[in-house]
């Protein structure tokens, strides 16, 4: 309590606010870098799904029925991966707030 008697309370509150703000900014920078890494990961997997999924559909020498089944499976994988991406983005926005 002696410390408070010699220091203006507004200065002390400013010091606490500044330190909290500085700590949260470093957390925001880390979260931004994590978002970038995860977004790059999602894009890379989208490209891999395209290469290994659509390629066999276009260049396969099977029947039309086999190609259609492969195409539907690839679309299902795209849909699931897109849902995961949207869930990640929603969760990352919630973390920021």
C-alpha atoms as a PDB file:
ATOM      1  CA  UNK A   1       0.000   0.000   0.000  1.00  0.00           C
ATOM      2  CA  UNK A   2       2.912   2.351   0.555  1.00  0.00           C
ATOM      3  CA  UNK A   3       3.690   2.035  -3.158  1.00  0.00           C
ATOM      4  CA  UNK A   4       0.267   3.432  -4.088  1.00  0.00           C
ATOM      5  CA  UNK A   5       0.705   6.436  -1.826  1.00  0.00           C
ATOM      6  CA  UNK A   6       3.706   7.691  -3.796  1.00  0.00           C
ATOM      7  CA  UNK A   7       2.523   6.809  -7.308  1.00  0.00           C
ATOM      8  CA  UNK A   8      -0.404   8.385  -9.080  1.00  0.00           C
ATOM      9  CA  UNK A   9      -3.128   5.756  -9.575  1.00  0.00           C
ATOM     10  CA  UNK A  10      -3.672   6.760 -13.213  1.00  0.00           C
ATOM     11  CA  UNK A  11      -0.039   6.042 -14.006  1.00  0.00           C
ATOM     12  CA  UNK A  12      -0.296   2.629 -12.356  1.00  0.00           C
ATOM     13  CA  UNK A  13      -3.460   1.763 -14.289  1.00  0.00           C
ATOM     14  CA  UNK A  14      -1.804   2.864 -17.514  1.00  0.00           C
ATOM     15  CA  UNK A  15       1.171   0.599 -16.766  1.00  0.00           C
ATOM     16  CA  UNK A  16      -1.110  -2.420 -16.233  1.00  0.00           C
ATOM     17  CA  UNK A  17      -3.115  -1.626 -19.386  1.00  0.00           C
ATOM     18  CA  UNK A  18       0.043  -1.182 -21.462  1.00  0.00           C
ATOM     19  CA  UNK A  19       1.523  -4.501 -20.298  1.00  0.00           C
ATOM     20  CA  UNK A  20      -1.709  -6.391 -20.997  1.00  0.00           C
ATOM     21  CA  UNK A  21      -1.928  -4.806 -24.436  1.00  0.00           C
ATOM     22  CA  UNK A  22       1.700  -5.641 -25.218  1.00  0.00           C
ATOM     23  CA  UNK A  23       1.207  -9.273 -24.152  1.00  0.00           C
ATOM     24  CA  UNK A  24      -1.973  -9.634 -26.205  1.00  0.00           C
ATOM     25  CA  UNK A  25      -0.274  -8.195 -29.293  1.00  0.00           C
ATOM     26  CA  UNK A  26       2.396 -10.873 -29.185  1.00  0.00           C
ATOM     27  CA  UNK A  27      -0.374 -13.467 -28.881  1.00  0.00           C
ATOM     28  CA  UNK A  28      -2.116 -11.915 -31.889  1.00  0.00           C
ATOM     29  CA  UNK A  29       1.085 -12.132 -33.924  1.00  0.00           C
ATOM     30  CA  UNK A  30       1.448 -15.804 -33.049  1.00  0.00           C
ATOM     31  CA  UNK A  31      -2.192 -16.454 -33.940  1.00  0.00           C
ATOM     32  CA  UNK A  32      -1.755 -14.684 -37.291  1.00  0.00           C
ATOM     33  CA  UNK A  33       1.240 -16.840 -38.152  1.00  0.00           C
ATOM     34  CA  UNK A  34      -0.646 -19.985 -37.136  1.00  0.00           C
ATOM     35  CA  UNK A  35      -3.557 -18.913 -39.354  1.00  0.00           C
ATOM     36  CA  UNK A  36      -1.220 -18.445 -42.303  1.00  0.00           C
ATOM     37  CA  UNK A  37       0.409 -21.838 -41.780  1.00  0.00           C
ATOM     38  CA  UNK A  38      -2.947 -23.612 -41.462  1.00  0.00           C
ATOM     39  CA  UNK A  39      -4.331 -21.794 -44.529  1.00  0.00           C
ATOM     40  CA  UNK A  40      -1.280 -22.878 -46.545  1.00  0.00           C
ATOM     41  CA  UNK A  41      -1.805 -26.435 -45.291  1.00  0.00           C
ATOM     42  CA  UNK A  42      -5.459 -26.385 -46.358  1.00  0.00           C
ATOM     43  CA  UNK A  43      -4.559 -25.049 -49.807  1.00  0.00           C
ATOM     44  CA  UNK A  44      -1.847 -27.666 -50.236  1.00  0.00           C
ATOM     45  CA  UNK A  45      -4.280 -30.444 -49.377  1.00  0.00           C
ATOM     46  CA  UNK A  46      -6.844 -28.969 -51.786  1.00  0.00           C
ATOM     47  CA  UNK A  47      -4.220 -29.117 -54.519  1.00  0.00           C
ATOM     48  CA  UNK A  48      -3.346 -32.708 -53.612  1.00  0.00           C
ATOM     49  CA  UNK A  49      -7.020 -33.685 -53.673  1.00  0.00           C
ATOM     50  CA  UNK A  50      -7.310 -32.086 -57.093  1.00  0.00           C
ATOM     51  CA  UNK A  51      -4.214 -33.783 -58.463  1.00  0.00           C
ATOM     52  CA  UNK A  52      -4.883 -37.248 -57.101  1.00  0.00           C
ATOM     53  CA  UNK A  53      -8.683 -37.046 -57.322  1.00  0.00           C
ATOM     54  CA  UNK A  54      -9.591 -35.311 -60.553  1.00  0.00           C
ATOM     55  CA  UNK A  55      -6.630 -36.761 -62.468  1.00  0.00           C
ATOM     56  CA  UNK A  56      -7.903 -40.343 -62.264  1.00  0.00           C
ATOM     57  CA  UNK A  57     -11.400 -39.176 -63.206  1.00  0.00           C
ATOM     58  CA  UNK A  58     -10.165 -37.473 -66.364  1.00  0.00           C
ATOM     59  CA  UNK A  59      -7.450 -39.909 -67.436  1.00  0.00           C
ATOM     60  CA  UNK A  60      -8.863 -43.232 -66.175  1.00  0.00           C
ATOM     61  CA  UNK A  61      -9.487 -45.944 -68.730  1.00  0.00           C
ATOM     62  CA  UNK A  62     -12.363 -47.552 -66.800  1.00  0.00           C
ATOM     63  CA  UNK A  63     -16.038 -47.523 -67.615  1.00  0.00           C
ATOM     64  CA  UNK A  64     -18.153 -44.401 -67.312  1.00  0.00           C
ATOM     65  CA  UNK A  65     -19.741 -45.807 -64.171  1.00  0.00           C
ATOM     66  CA  UNK A  66     -16.340 -46.216 -62.479  1.00  0.00           C
ATOM     67  CA  UNK A  67     -15.382 -42.687 -63.449  1.00  0.00           C
ATOM     68  CA  UNK A  68     -18.659 -41.325 -62.084  1.00  0.00           C
ATOM     69  CA  UNK A  69     -18.216 -43.142 -58.760  1.00  0.00           C
ATOM     70  CA  UNK A  70     -14.648 -41.830 -58.486  1.00  0.00           C
ATOM     71  CA  UNK A  71     -15.875 -38.316 -59.295  1.00  0.00           C
ATOM     72  CA  UNK A  72     -18.575 -38.493 -56.594  1.00  0.00           C
ATOM     73  CA  UNK A  73     -16.064 -39.731 -54.018  1.00  0.00           C
ATOM     74  CA  UNK A  74     -13.728 -36.861 -54.912  1.00  0.00           C
ATOM     75  CA  UNK A  75     -16.598 -34.369 -54.567  1.00  0.00           C
ATOM     76  CA  UNK A  76     -17.412 -35.828 -51.151  1.00  0.00           C
ATOM     77  CA  UNK A  77     -13.784 -35.429 -50.082  1.00  0.00           C
ATOM     78  CA  UNK A  78     -13.820 -31.812 -51.346  1.00  0.00           C
ATOM     79  CA  UNK A  79     -17.006 -31.115 -49.375  1.00  0.00           C
ATOM     80  CA  UNK A  80     -15.608 -32.604 -46.158  1.00  0.00           C
ATOM     81  CA  UNK A  81     -12.361 -30.699 -46.493  1.00  0.00           C
ATOM     82  CA  UNK A  82     -14.260 -27.462 -47.173  1.00  0.00           C
ATOM     83  CA  UNK A  83     -16.373 -28.009 -44.043  1.00  0.00           C
ATOM     84  CA  UNK A  84     -13.195 -28.537 -42.025  1.00  0.00           C
ATOM     85  CA  UNK A  85     -11.784 -25.298 -43.449  1.00  0.00           C
ATOM     86  CA  UNK A  86     -14.910 -23.364 -42.475  1.00  0.00           C
ATOM     87  CA  UNK A  87     -14.863 -24.852 -38.965  1.00  0.00           C
ATOM     88  CA  UNK A  88     -11.202 -23.860 -38.581  1.00  0.00           C
ATOM     89  CA  UNK A  89     -11.894 -20.298 -39.717  1.00  0.00           C
ATOM     90  CA  UNK A  90     -14.854 -19.964 -37.355  1.00  0.00           C
ATOM     91  CA  UNK A  91     -12.802 -21.336 -34.466  1.00  0.00           C
ATOM     92  CA  UNK A  92      -9.850 -19.079 -35.233  1.00  0.00           C
ATOM     93  CA  UNK A  93     -12.139 -16.021 -35.269  1.00  0.00           C
ATOM     94  CA  UNK A  94     -13.569 -17.091 -31.916  1.00  0.00           C
ATOM     95  CA  UNK A  95     -10.033 -17.402 -30.501  1.00  0.00           C
ATOM     96  CA  UNK A  96      -9.248 -13.838 -31.550  1.00  0.00           C
ATOM     97  CA  UNK A  97     -12.232 -12.323 -29.750  1.00  0.00           C
END
